């Protein structure tokens, strides 16, 4: 086994501070909730589909588009809704989903 060579450097007391520290206005808990909701690839695909549609999308269309059972789709949509990423509108027996505008702006601002 080969060891990694140690290069000479400044003493710890002479080392400079990092150029950027923690952002005082960062809501790390909120970002963690959003990141957890987006940790599933199907949820990312659903959110992307909603993002690209100007009108709310019917659950029935999402079932066909992703070829999943209604119960599985509902589970994933509930996770996205609980994270505040999607809005739900009930129309008779169907639910229509759209991306929550503030959530998208929040994600964009954090990732920029």
PDB file of N, CA and C in Angstrom:
ATOM      1  N   UNK A   1       0.839  -1.160   0.000  1.00  0.00           N
ATOM      2  CA  UNK A   1       0.000   0.000   0.000  1.00  0.00           C
ATOM      3  C   UNK A   1       0.894   1.236   0.000  1.00  0.00           C
ATOM      4  N   UNK A   2       0.580   2.207  -0.847  1.00  0.00           N
ATOM      5  CA  UNK A   2       1.373   3.419  -0.965  1.00  0.00           C
ATOM      6  C   UNK A   2       0.732   4.524  -0.147  1.00  0.00           C
ATOM      7  N   UNK A   3       1.555   5.248   0.589  1.00  0.00           N
ATOM      8  CA  UNK A   3       1.004   6.360   1.371  1.00  0.00           C
ATOM      9  C   UNK A   3       1.034   7.638   0.548  1.00  0.00           C
ATOM     10  N   UNK A   4       0.145   8.522   0.863  1.00  0.00           N
ATOM     11  CA  UNK A   4       0.074   9.808   0.186  1.00  0.00           C
ATOM     12  C   UNK A   4       1.171  10.708   0.743  1.00  0.00           C
ATOM     13  N   UNK A   5       1.942  11.342  -0.120  1.00  0.00           N
ATOM     14  CA  UNK A   5       3.012  12.208   0.384  1.00  0.00           C
ATOM     15  C   UNK A   5       2.430  13.461   1.035  1.00  0.00           C
ATOM     16  N   UNK A   6       3.096  13.920   2.063  1.00  0.00           N
ATOM     17  CA  UNK A   6       2.698  15.137   2.747  1.00  0.00           C
ATOM     18  C   UNK A   6       3.548  16.275   2.216  1.00  0.00           C
ATOM     19  N   UNK A   7       2.895  17.290   1.703  1.00  0.00           N
ATOM     20  CA  UNK A   7       3.606  18.443   1.160  1.00  0.00           C
ATOM     21  C   UNK A   7       3.750  19.513   2.236  1.00  0.00           C
ATOM     22  N   UNK A   8       4.850  20.224   2.223  1.00  0.00           N
ATOM     23  CA  UNK A   8       5.009  21.291   3.213  1.00  0.00           C
ATOM     24  C   UNK A   8       4.019  22.409   2.942  1.00  0.00           C
ATOM     25  N   UNK A   9       3.533  23.013   3.982  1.00  0.00           N
ATOM     26  CA  UNK A   9       2.588  24.114   3.850  1.00  0.00           C
ATOM     27  C   UNK A   9       2.664  25.003   5.065  1.00  0.00           C
ATOM     28  N   UNK A  10       1.840  26.029   5.098  1.00  0.00           N
ATOM     29  CA  UNK A  10       1.886  26.945   6.237  1.00  0.00           C
ATOM     30  C   UNK A  10       1.354  26.277   7.499  1.00  0.00           C
ATOM     31  N   UNK A  11       1.773  26.783   8.613  1.00  0.00           N
ATOM     32  CA  UNK A  11       1.252  26.301   9.893  1.00  0.00           C
ATOM     33  C   UNK A  11      -0.227  26.678   9.982  1.00  0.00           C
ATOM     34  N   UNK A  12      -0.969  25.931  10.777  1.00  0.00           N
ATOM     35  CA  UNK A  12      -2.399  26.197  10.924  1.00  0.00           C
ATOM     36  C   UNK A  12      -2.668  27.629  11.344  1.00  0.00           C
ATOM     37  N   UNK A  13      -1.862  28.194  12.187  1.00  0.00           N
ATOM     38  CA  UNK A  13      -2.076  29.564  12.653  1.00  0.00           C
ATOM     39  C   UNK A  13      -1.849  30.590  11.553  1.00  0.00           C
ATOM     40  N   UNK A  14      -1.089  30.234  10.524  1.00  0.00           N
ATOM     41  CA  UNK A  14      -0.806  31.156   9.430  1.00  0.00           C
ATOM     42  C   UNK A  14      -1.750  30.966   8.244  1.00  0.00           C
ATOM     43  N   UNK A  15      -2.582  29.975   8.311  1.00  0.00           N
ATOM     44  CA  UNK A  15      -3.492  29.689   7.204  1.00  0.00           C
ATOM     45  C   UNK A  15      -4.593  30.755   7.155  1.00  0.00           C
ATOM     46  N   UNK A  16      -5.008  31.094   5.965  1.00  0.00           N
ATOM     47  CA  UNK A  16      -6.031  32.139   5.819  1.00  0.00           C
ATOM     48  C   UNK A  16      -7.432  31.539   5.919  1.00  0.00           C
ATOM     49  N   UNK A  17      -8.396  32.400   6.167  1.00  0.00           N
ATOM     50  CA  UNK A  17      -9.802  31.990   6.247  1.00  0.00           C
ATOM     51  C   UNK A  17     -10.318  31.672   4.849  1.00  0.00           C
ATOM     52  N   UNK A  18     -11.331  30.827   4.740  1.00  0.00           N
ATOM     53  CA  UNK A  18     -11.892  30.536   3.413  1.00  0.00           C
ATOM     54  C   UNK A  18     -12.496  31.808   2.816  1.00  0.00           C
ATOM     55  N   UNK A  19     -12.480  31.933   1.477  1.00  0.00           N
ATOM     56  CA  UNK A  19     -12.996  33.141   0.846  1.00  0.00           C
ATOM     57  C   UNK A  19     -14.500  33.338   1.047  1.00  0.00           C
ATOM     58  N   UNK A  20     -15.222  32.275   1.286  1.00  0.00           N
ATOM     59  CA  UNK A  20     -16.662  32.390   1.520  1.00  0.00           C
ATOM     60  C   UNK A  20     -17.038  31.521   2.706  1.00  0.00           C
ATOM     61  N   UNK A  21     -17.770  32.086   3.607  1.00  0.00           N
ATOM     62  CA  UNK A  21     -18.243  31.336   4.769  1.00  0.00           C
ATOM     63  C   UNK A  21     -19.715  31.013   4.609  1.00  0.00           C
ATOM     64  N   UNK A  22     -20.332  30.514   5.652  1.00  0.00           N
ATOM     65  CA  UNK A  22     -21.759  30.200   5.584  1.00  0.00           C
ATOM     66  C   UNK A  22     -22.586  31.461   5.313  1.00  0.00           C
ATOM     67  N   UNK A  23     -23.557  31.340   4.432  1.00  0.00           N
ATOM     68  CA  UNK A  23     -24.445  32.469   4.126  1.00  0.00           C
ATOM     69  C   UNK A  23     -25.416  32.659   5.288  1.00  0.00           C
ATOM     70  N   UNK A  24     -25.480  33.857   5.852  1.00  0.00           N
ATOM     71  CA  UNK A  24     -26.356  34.081   7.004  1.00  0.00           C
ATOM     72  C   UNK A  24     -27.844  33.937   6.675  1.00  0.00           C
ATOM     73  N   UNK A  25     -28.215  34.151   5.417  1.00  0.00           N
ATOM     74  CA  UNK A  25     -29.629  34.063   5.043  1.00  0.00           C
ATOM     75  C   UNK A  25     -30.007  32.710   4.437  1.00  0.00           C
ATOM     76  N   UNK A  26     -29.094  31.760   4.429  1.00  0.00           N
ATOM     77  CA  UNK A  26     -29.375  30.440   3.869  1.00  0.00           C
ATOM     78  C   UNK A  26     -30.305  29.673   4.794  1.00  0.00           C
ATOM     79  N   UNK A  27     -31.426  29.222   4.246  1.00  0.00           N
ATOM     80  CA  UNK A  27     -32.359  28.385   5.001  1.00  0.00           C
ATOM     81  C   UNK A  27     -32.005  26.925   4.697  1.00  0.00           C
ATOM     82  N   UNK A  28     -30.993  26.439   5.377  1.00  0.00           N
ATOM     83  CA  UNK A  28     -30.466  25.100   5.109  1.00  0.00           C
ATOM     84  C   UNK A  28     -31.517  24.017   5.345  1.00  0.00           C
ATOM     85  N   UNK A  29     -32.375  24.195   6.334  1.00  0.00           N
ATOM     86  CA  UNK A  29     -33.412  23.203   6.612  1.00  0.00           C
ATOM     87  C   UNK A  29     -34.386  23.108   5.437  1.00  0.00           C
ATOM     88  N   UNK A  30     -34.763  24.262   4.887  1.00  0.00           N
ATOM     89  CA  UNK A  30     -35.686  24.282   3.740  1.00  0.00           C
ATOM     90  C   UNK A  30     -35.035  23.629   2.522  1.00  0.00           C
ATOM     91  N   UNK A  31     -33.799  23.949   2.255  1.00  0.00           N
ATOM     92  CA  UNK A  31     -33.095  23.358   1.115  1.00  0.00           C
ATOM     93  C   UNK A  31     -32.974  21.847   1.299  1.00  0.00           C
ATOM     94  N   UNK A  32     -32.758  21.388   2.531  1.00  0.00           N
ATOM     95  CA  UNK A  32     -32.653  19.953   2.798  1.00  0.00           C
ATOM     96  C   UNK A  32     -33.981  19.249   2.528  1.00  0.00           C
ATOM     97  N   UNK A  33     -35.100  19.891   2.890  1.00  0.00           N
ATOM     98  CA  UNK A  33     -36.422  19.316   2.625  1.00  0.00           C
ATOM     99  C   UNK A  33     -36.633  19.174   1.117  1.00  0.00           C
ATOM    100  N   UNK A  34     -36.293  20.222   0.374  1.00  0.00           N
ATOM    101  CA  UNK A  34     -36.447  20.198  -1.080  1.00  0.00           C
ATOM    102  C   UNK A  34     -35.533  19.139  -1.694  1.00  0.00           C
ATOM    103  N   UNK A  35     -34.287  19.090  -1.241  1.00  0.00           N
ATOM    104  CA  UNK A  35     -33.333  18.110  -1.773  1.00  0.00           C
ATOM    105  C   UNK A  35     -33.817  16.685  -1.506  1.00  0.00           C
ATOM    106  N   UNK A  36     -34.373  16.455  -0.335  1.00  0.00           N
ATOM    107  CA  UNK A  36     -34.882  15.119  -0.007  1.00  0.00           C
ATOM    108  C   UNK A  36     -36.041  14.750  -0.931  1.00  0.00           C
ATOM    109  N   UNK A  37     -36.911  15.722  -1.203  1.00  0.00           N
ATOM    110  CA  UNK A  37     -38.045  15.465  -2.102  1.00  0.00           C
ATOM    111  C   UNK A  37     -37.561  15.167  -3.522  1.00  0.00           C
ATOM    112  N   UNK A  38     -36.441  15.750  -3.910  1.00  0.00           N
ATOM    113  CA  UNK A  38     -35.917  15.554  -5.264  1.00  0.00           C
ATOM    114  C   UNK A  38     -34.907  14.412  -5.350  1.00  0.00           C
ATOM    115  N   UNK A  39     -34.746  13.663  -4.277  1.00  0.00           N
ATOM    116  CA  UNK A  39     -33.774  12.573  -4.252  1.00  0.00           C
ATOM    117  C   UNK A  39     -34.227  11.357  -5.054  1.00  0.00           C
ATOM    118  N   UNK A  40     -35.451  11.339  -5.503  1.00  0.00           N
ATOM    119  CA  UNK A  40     -36.002  10.234  -6.278  1.00  0.00           C
ATOM    120  C   UNK A  40     -36.088  10.669  -7.748  1.00  0.00           C
ATOM    121  N   UNK A  41     -35.456   9.943  -8.673  1.00  0.00           N
ATOM    122  CA  UNK A  41     -35.464  10.354 -10.086  1.00  0.00           C
ATOM    123  C   UNK A  41     -36.865  10.561 -10.675  1.00  0.00           C
ATOM    124  N   UNK A  42     -37.831   9.727 -10.298  1.00  0.00           N
ATOM    125  CA  UNK A  42     -39.185   9.901 -10.835  1.00  0.00           C
ATOM    126  C   UNK A  42     -39.757  11.253 -10.411  1.00  0.00           C
ATOM    127  N   UNK A  43     -39.478  11.688  -9.201  1.00  0.00           N
ATOM    128  CA  UNK A  43     -39.970  12.989  -8.743  1.00  0.00           C
ATOM    129  C   UNK A  43     -39.336  14.125  -9.528  1.00  0.00           C
ATOM    130  N   UNK A  44     -38.077  13.980  -9.865  1.00  0.00           N
ATOM    131  CA  UNK A  44     -37.406  15.000 -10.683  1.00  0.00           C
ATOM    132  C   UNK A  44     -38.065  15.052 -12.059  1.00  0.00           C
ATOM    133  N   UNK A  45     -38.361  13.891 -12.639  1.00  0.00           N
ATOM    134  CA  UNK A  45     -39.025  13.850 -13.954  1.00  0.00           C
ATOM    135  C   UNK A  45     -40.415  14.466 -13.890  1.00  0.00           C
ATOM    136  N   UNK A  46     -41.150  14.155 -12.832  1.00  0.00           N
ATOM    137  CA  UNK A  46     -42.491  14.728 -12.660  1.00  0.00           C
ATOM    138  C   UNK A  46     -42.395  16.245 -12.555  1.00  0.00           C
ATOM    139  N   UNK A  47     -41.496  16.727 -11.716  1.00  0.00           N
ATOM    140  CA  UNK A  47     -41.347  18.165 -11.525  1.00  0.00           C
ATOM    141  C   UNK A  47     -40.940  18.845 -12.826  1.00  0.00           C
ATOM    142  N   UNK A  48     -40.059  18.214 -13.583  1.00  0.00           N
ATOM    143  CA  UNK A  48     -39.641  18.781 -14.859  1.00  0.00           C
ATOM    144  C   UNK A  48     -40.809  18.852 -15.836  1.00  0.00           C
ATOM    145  N   UNK A  49     -41.633  17.828 -15.854  1.00  0.00           N
ATOM    146  CA  UNK A  49     -42.818  17.821 -16.722  1.00  0.00           C
ATOM    147  C   UNK A  49     -43.763  18.950 -16.334  1.00  0.00           C
ATOM    148  N   UNK A  50     -44.002  19.112 -15.048  1.00  0.00           N
ATOM    149  CA  UNK A  50     -44.889  20.179 -14.585  1.00  0.00           C
ATOM    150  C   UNK A  50     -44.303  21.553 -14.903  1.00  0.00           C
ATOM    151  N   UNK A  51     -42.988  21.665 -14.778  1.00  0.00           N
ATOM    152  CA  UNK A  51     -42.309  22.932 -15.035  1.00  0.00           C
ATOM    153  C   UNK A  51     -42.480  23.371 -16.493  1.00  0.00           C
ATOM    154  N   UNK A  52     -42.498  22.415 -17.390  1.00  0.00           N
ATOM    155  CA  UNK A  52     -42.562  22.731 -18.821  1.00  0.00           C
ATOM    156  C   UNK A  52     -43.981  22.878 -19.352  1.00  0.00           C
ATOM    157  N   UNK A  53     -44.981  22.663 -18.508  1.00  0.00           N
ATOM    158  CA  UNK A  53     -46.372  22.810 -18.937  1.00  0.00           C
ATOM    159  C   UNK A  53     -46.969  24.090 -18.371  1.00  0.00           C
ATOM    160  N   UNK A  54     -47.542  24.925 -19.239  1.00  0.00           N
ATOM    161  CA  UNK A  54     -48.107  26.189 -18.761  1.00  0.00           C
ATOM    162  C   UNK A  54     -49.397  26.014 -17.950  1.00  0.00           C
ATOM    163  N   UNK A  55     -50.077  24.910 -18.141  1.00  0.00           N
ATOM    164  CA  UNK A  55     -51.325  24.623 -17.434  1.00  0.00           C
ATOM    165  C   UNK A  55     -51.120  23.454 -16.476  1.00  0.00           C
ATOM    166  N   UNK A  56     -51.941  23.371 -15.427  1.00  0.00           N
ATOM    167  CA  UNK A  56     -51.869  22.203 -14.533  1.00  0.00           C
ATOM    168  C   UNK A  56     -52.079  20.904 -15.317  1.00  0.00           C
ATOM    169  N   UNK A  57     -51.384  19.861 -14.889  1.00  0.00           N
ATOM    170  CA  UNK A  57     -51.422  18.568 -15.579  1.00  0.00           C
ATOM    171  C   UNK A  57     -52.256  17.593 -14.761  1.00  0.00           C
ATOM    172  N   UNK A  58     -53.171  16.911 -15.449  1.00  0.00           N
ATOM    173  CA  UNK A  58     -54.041  15.939 -14.790  1.00  0.00           C
ATOM    174  C   UNK A  58     -53.238  14.718 -14.359  1.00  0.00           C
ATOM    175  N   UNK A  59     -53.617  14.203 -13.214  1.00  0.00           N
ATOM    176  CA  UNK A  59     -52.978  12.998 -12.689  1.00  0.00           C
ATOM    177  C   UNK A  59     -53.084  11.853 -13.694  1.00  0.00           C
ATOM    178  N   UNK A  60     -54.205  11.766 -14.394  1.00  0.00           N
ATOM    179  CA  UNK A  60     -54.391  10.688 -15.367  1.00  0.00           C
ATOM    180  C   UNK A  60     -53.355  10.768 -16.480  1.00  0.00           C
ATOM    181  N   UNK A  61     -52.966  11.982 -16.872  1.00  0.00           N
ATOM    182  CA  UNK A  61     -51.953  12.155 -17.906  1.00  0.00           C
ATOM    183  C   UNK A  61     -50.576  11.733 -17.395  1.00  0.00           C
ATOM    184  N   UNK A  62     -50.301  12.029 -16.130  1.00  0.00           N
ATOM    185  CA  UNK A  62     -49.015  11.650 -15.549  1.00  0.00           C
ATOM    186  C   UNK A  62     -48.904  10.139 -15.389  1.00  0.00           C
ATOM    187  N   UNK A  63     -50.006   9.489 -15.055  1.00  0.00           N
ATOM    188  CA  UNK A  63     -50.008   8.026 -14.931  1.00  0.00           C
ATOM    189  C   UNK A  63     -49.609   7.399 -16.262  1.00  0.00           C
ATOM    190  N   UNK A  64     -50.220   7.871 -17.330  1.00  0.00           N
ATOM    191  CA  UNK A  64     -49.917   7.326 -18.661  1.00  0.00           C
ATOM    192  C   UNK A  64     -48.503   7.698 -19.109  1.00  0.00           C
ATOM    193  N   UNK A  65     -48.103   8.918 -18.836  1.00  0.00           N
ATOM    194  CA  UNK A  65     -46.791   9.398 -19.277  1.00  0.00           C
ATOM    195  C   UNK A  65     -45.651   8.618 -18.637  1.00  0.00           C
ATOM    196  N   UNK A  66     -45.775   8.327 -17.351  1.00  0.00           N
ATOM    197  CA  UNK A  66     -44.689   7.654 -16.635  1.00  0.00           C
ATOM    198  C   UNK A  66     -44.921   6.153 -16.471  1.00  0.00           C
ATOM    199  N   UNK A  67     -46.064   5.663 -16.941  1.00  0.00           N
ATOM    200  CA  UNK A  67     -46.387   4.239 -16.899  1.00  0.00           C
ATOM    201  C   UNK A  67     -46.204   3.671 -15.485  1.00  0.00           C
ATOM    202  N   UNK A  68     -46.870   4.336 -14.520  1.00  0.00           N
ATOM    203  CA  UNK A  68     -46.832   3.895 -13.128  1.00  0.00           C
ATOM    204  C   UNK A  68     -48.260   3.746 -12.622  1.00  0.00           C
ATOM    205  N   UNK A  69     -48.409   3.018 -11.552  1.00  0.00           N
ATOM    206  CA  UNK A  69     -49.724   2.870 -10.929  1.00  0.00           C
ATOM    207  C   UNK A  69     -50.112   4.168 -10.249  1.00  0.00           C
ATOM    208  N   UNK A  70     -51.409   4.371 -10.148  1.00  0.00           N
ATOM    209  CA  UNK A  70     -51.942   5.588  -9.546  1.00  0.00           C
ATOM    210  C   UNK A  70     -51.453   5.753  -8.120  1.00  0.00           C
ATOM    211  N   UNK A  71     -51.381   4.671  -7.367  1.00  0.00           N
ATOM    212  CA  UNK A  71     -50.951   4.759  -5.970  1.00  0.00           C
ATOM    213  C   UNK A  71     -49.490   5.207  -5.860  1.00  0.00           C
ATOM    214  N   UNK A  72     -48.627   4.726  -6.744  1.00  0.00           N
ATOM    215  CA  UNK A  72     -47.225   5.125  -6.723  1.00  0.00           C
ATOM    216  C   UNK A  72     -47.077   6.592  -7.122  1.00  0.00           C
ATOM    217  N   UNK A  73     -47.805   6.999  -8.158  1.00  0.00           N
ATOM    218  CA  UNK A  73     -47.747   8.392  -8.581  1.00  0.00           C
ATOM    219  C   UNK A  73     -48.242   9.304  -7.463  1.00  0.00           C
ATOM    220  N   UNK A  74     -49.329   8.927  -6.814  1.00  0.00           N
ATOM    221  CA  UNK A  74     -49.863   9.728  -5.716  1.00  0.00           C
ATOM    222  C   UNK A  74     -48.858   9.865  -4.578  1.00  0.00           C
ATOM    223  N   UNK A  75     -48.157   8.795  -4.285  1.00  0.00           N
ATOM    224  CA  UNK A  75     -47.125   8.818  -3.248  1.00  0.00           C
ATOM    225  C   UNK A  75     -46.054   9.863  -3.579  1.00  0.00           C
ATOM    226  N   UNK A  76     -45.557   9.828  -4.804  1.00  0.00           N
ATOM    227  CA  UNK A  76     -44.500  10.758  -5.205  1.00  0.00           C
ATOM    228  C   UNK A  76     -45.010  12.195  -5.273  1.00  0.00           C
ATOM    229  N   UNK A  77     -46.215  12.374  -5.768  1.00  0.00           N
ATOM    230  CA  UNK A  77     -46.779  13.727  -5.834  1.00  0.00           C
ATOM    231  C   UNK A  77     -47.032  14.288  -4.441  1.00  0.00           C
ATOM    232  N   UNK A  78     -47.396  13.433  -3.508  1.00  0.00           N
ATOM    233  CA  UNK A  78     -47.601  13.876  -2.131  1.00  0.00           C
ATOM    234  C   UNK A  78     -46.280  14.349  -1.530  1.00  0.00           C
ATOM    235  N   UNK A  79     -45.199  13.641  -1.803  1.00  0.00           N
ATOM    236  CA  UNK A  79     -43.879  14.059  -1.314  1.00  0.00           C
ATOM    237  C   UNK A  79     -43.498  15.429  -1.877  1.00  0.00           C
ATOM    238  N   UNK A  80     -43.772  15.635  -3.164  1.00  0.00           N
ATOM    239  CA  UNK A  80     -43.477  16.931  -3.789  1.00  0.00           C
ATOM    240  C   UNK A  80     -44.370  18.035  -3.214  1.00  0.00           C
ATOM    241  N   UNK A  81     -45.619  17.707  -2.971  1.00  0.00           N
ATOM    242  CA  UNK A  81     -46.540  18.695  -2.397  1.00  0.00           C
ATOM    243  C   UNK A  81     -46.153  19.028  -0.956  1.00  0.00           C
ATOM    244  N   UNK A  82     -45.800  18.009  -0.183  1.00  0.00           N
ATOM    245  CA  UNK A  82     -45.396  18.236   1.211  1.00  0.00           C
ATOM    246  C   UNK A  82     -44.149  19.112   1.301  1.00  0.00           C
ATOM    247  N   UNK A  83     -43.290  19.030   0.285  1.00  0.00           N
ATOM    248  CA  UNK A  83     -42.085  19.859   0.255  1.00  0.00           C
ATOM    249  C   UNK A  83     -42.376  21.256  -0.287  1.00  0.00           C
ATOM    250  N   UNK A  84     -43.623  21.493  -0.687  1.00  0.00           N
ATOM    251  CA  UNK A  84     -44.000  22.809  -1.194  1.00  0.00           C
ATOM    252  C   UNK A  84     -43.584  23.050  -2.627  1.00  0.00           C
ATOM    253  N   UNK A  85     -43.321  21.984  -3.366  1.00  0.00           N
ATOM    254  CA  UNK A  85     -42.852  22.133  -4.744  1.00  0.00           C
ATOM    255  C   UNK A  85     -43.979  22.135  -5.768  1.00  0.00           C
ATOM    256  N   UNK A  86     -45.093  21.489  -5.444  1.00  0.00           N
ATOM    257  CA  UNK A  86     -46.212  21.454  -6.391  1.00  0.00           C
ATOM    258  C   UNK A  86     -47.502  21.879  -5.706  1.00  0.00           C
ATOM    259  N   UNK A  87     -48.391  22.417  -6.518  1.00  0.00           N
ATOM    260  CA  UNK A  87     -49.735  22.777  -6.073  1.00  0.00           C
ATOM    261  C   UNK A  87     -50.706  21.742  -6.609  1.00  0.00           C
ATOM    262  N   UNK A  88     -51.764  21.480  -5.839  1.00  0.00           N
ATOM    263  CA  UNK A  88     -52.778  20.503  -6.226  1.00  0.00           C
ATOM    264  C   UNK A  88     -54.109  21.218  -6.362  1.00  0.00           C
ATOM    265  N   UNK A  89     -54.789  20.938  -7.469  1.00  0.00           N
ATOM    266  CA  UNK A  89     -56.118  21.490  -7.716  1.00  0.00           C
ATOM    267  C   UNK A  89     -57.045  20.315  -8.000  1.00  0.00           C
ATOM    268  N   UNK A  90     -58.095  20.180  -7.219  1.00  0.00           N
ATOM    269  CA  UNK A  90     -59.050  19.080  -7.408  1.00  0.00           C
ATOM    270  C   UNK A  90     -60.134  19.512  -8.395  1.00  0.00           C
ATOM    271  N   UNK A  91     -60.364  18.668  -9.390  1.00  0.00           N
ATOM    272  CA  UNK A  91     -61.438  18.879 -10.359  1.00  0.00           C
ATOM    273  C   UNK A  91     -62.208  17.566 -10.472  1.00  0.00           C
ATOM    274  N   UNK A  92     -63.374  17.541  -9.854  1.00  0.00           N
ATOM    275  CA  UNK A  92     -64.185  16.329  -9.791  1.00  0.00           C
ATOM    276  C   UNK A  92     -63.370  15.209  -9.162  1.00  0.00           C
ATOM    277  N   UNK A  93     -63.183  14.094  -9.866  1.00  0.00           N
ATOM    278  CA  UNK A  93     -62.454  12.978  -9.245  1.00  0.00           C
ATOM    279  C   UNK A  93     -60.954  13.023  -9.511  1.00  0.00           C
ATOM    280  N   UNK A  94     -60.493  13.946 -10.358  1.00  0.00           N
ATOM    281  CA  UNK A  94     -59.084  14.015 -10.707  1.00  0.00           C
ATOM    282  C   UNK A  94     -58.385  15.162  -9.993  1.00  0.00           C
ATOM    283  N   UNK A  95     -57.102  14.971  -9.825  1.00  0.00           N
ATOM    284  CA  UNK A  95     -56.262  16.030  -9.266  1.00  0.00           C
ATOM    285  C   UNK A  95     -55.367  16.552 -10.384  1.00  0.00           C
ATOM    286  N   UNK A  96     -55.209  17.857 -10.397  1.00  0.00           N
ATOM    287  CA  UNK A  96     -54.340  18.514 -11.376  1.00  0.00           C
ATOM    288  C   UNK A  96     -53.172  19.133 -10.630  1.00  0.00           C
ATOM    289  N   UNK A  97     -51.996  18.972 -11.195  1.00  0.00           N
ATOM    290  CA  UNK A  97     -50.771  19.405 -10.523  1.00  0.00           C
ATOM    291  C   UNK A  97     -50.034  20.452 -11.340  1.00  0.00           C
ATOM    292  N   UNK A  98     -49.456  21.391 -10.625  1.00  0.00           N
ATOM    293  CA  UNK A  98     -48.612  22.410 -11.256  1.00  0.00           C
ATOM    294  C   UNK A  98     -47.468  22.724 -10.303  1.00  0.00           C
ATOM    295  N   UNK A  99     -46.399  23.228 -10.868  1.00  0.00           N
ATOM    296  CA  UNK A  99     -45.255  23.583 -10.038  1.00  0.00           C
ATOM    297  C   UNK A  99     -45.599  24.856  -9.266  1.00  0.00           C
ATOM    298  N   UNK A 100     -45.214  24.885  -8.025  1.00  0.00           N
ATOM    299  CA  UNK A 100     -45.439  26.069  -7.198  1.00  0.00           C
ATOM    300  C   UNK A 100     -44.421  27.130  -7.624  1.00  0.00           C
ATOM    301  N   UNK A 101     -44.873  28.281  -8.136  1.00  0.00           N
ATOM    302  CA  UNK A 101     -43.936  29.271  -8.696  1.00  0.00           C
ATOM    303  C   UNK A 101     -42.847  29.715  -7.720  1.00  0.00           C
ATOM    304  N   UNK A 102     -43.185  29.948  -6.487  1.00  0.00           N
ATOM    305  CA  UNK A 102     -42.180  30.401  -5.514  1.00  0.00           C
ATOM    306  C   UNK A 102     -41.128  29.329  -5.274  1.00  0.00           C
ATOM    307  N   UNK A 103     -41.527  28.066  -5.308  1.00  0.00           N
ATOM    308  CA  UNK A 103     -40.576  26.977  -5.076  1.00  0.00           C
ATOM    309  C   UNK A 103     -39.561  26.918  -6.209  1.00  0.00           C
ATOM    310  N   UNK A 104     -40.019  27.084  -7.432  1.00  0.00           N
ATOM    311  CA  UNK A 104     -39.096  27.053  -8.568  1.00  0.00           C
ATOM    312  C   UNK A 104     -38.125  28.222  -8.488  1.00  0.00           C
ATOM    313  N   UNK A 105     -38.629  29.395  -8.151  1.00  0.00           N
ATOM    314  CA  UNK A 105     -37.758  30.567  -8.006  1.00  0.00           C
ATOM    315  C   UNK A 105     -36.756  30.363  -6.879  1.00  0.00           C
ATOM    316  N   UNK A 106     -37.204  29.740  -5.802  1.00  0.00           N
ATOM    317  CA  UNK A 106     -36.337  29.456  -4.663  1.00  0.00           C
ATOM    318  C   UNK A 106     -35.194  28.518  -5.064  1.00  0.00           C
ATOM    319  N   UNK A 107     -35.526  27.460  -5.771  1.00  0.00           N
ATOM    320  CA  UNK A 107     -34.509  26.517  -6.252  1.00  0.00           C
ATOM    321  C   UNK A 107     -33.533  27.198  -7.199  1.00  0.00           C
ATOM    322  N   UNK A 108     -34.082  27.957  -8.119  1.00  0.00           N
ATOM    323  CA  UNK A 108     -33.234  28.645  -9.097  1.00  0.00           C
ATOM    324  C   UNK A 108     -32.274  29.615  -8.401  1.00  0.00           C
ATOM    325  N   UNK A 109     -32.780  30.359  -7.449  1.00  0.00           N
ATOM    326  CA  UNK A 109     -31.946  31.330  -6.727  1.00  0.00           C
ATOM    327  C   UNK A 109     -30.836  30.628  -5.952  1.00  0.00           C
ATOM    328  N   UNK A 110     -31.156  29.511  -5.324  1.00  0.00           N
ATOM    329  CA  UNK A 110     -30.142  28.818  -4.537  1.00  0.00           C
ATOM    330  C   UNK A 110     -29.070  28.189  -5.423  1.00  0.00           C
ATOM    331  N   UNK A 111     -29.494  27.645  -6.565  1.00  0.00           N
ATOM    332  CA  UNK A 111     -28.541  26.968  -7.446  1.00  0.00           C
ATOM    333  C   UNK A 111     -27.731  27.935  -8.317  1.00  0.00           C
ATOM    334  N   UNK A 112     -28.161  29.166  -8.404  1.00  0.00           N
ATOM    335  CA  UNK A 112     -27.456  30.153  -9.242  1.00  0.00           C
ATOM    336  C   UNK A 112     -26.234  30.700  -8.556  1.00  0.00           C
TER     337      UNK A 112
END
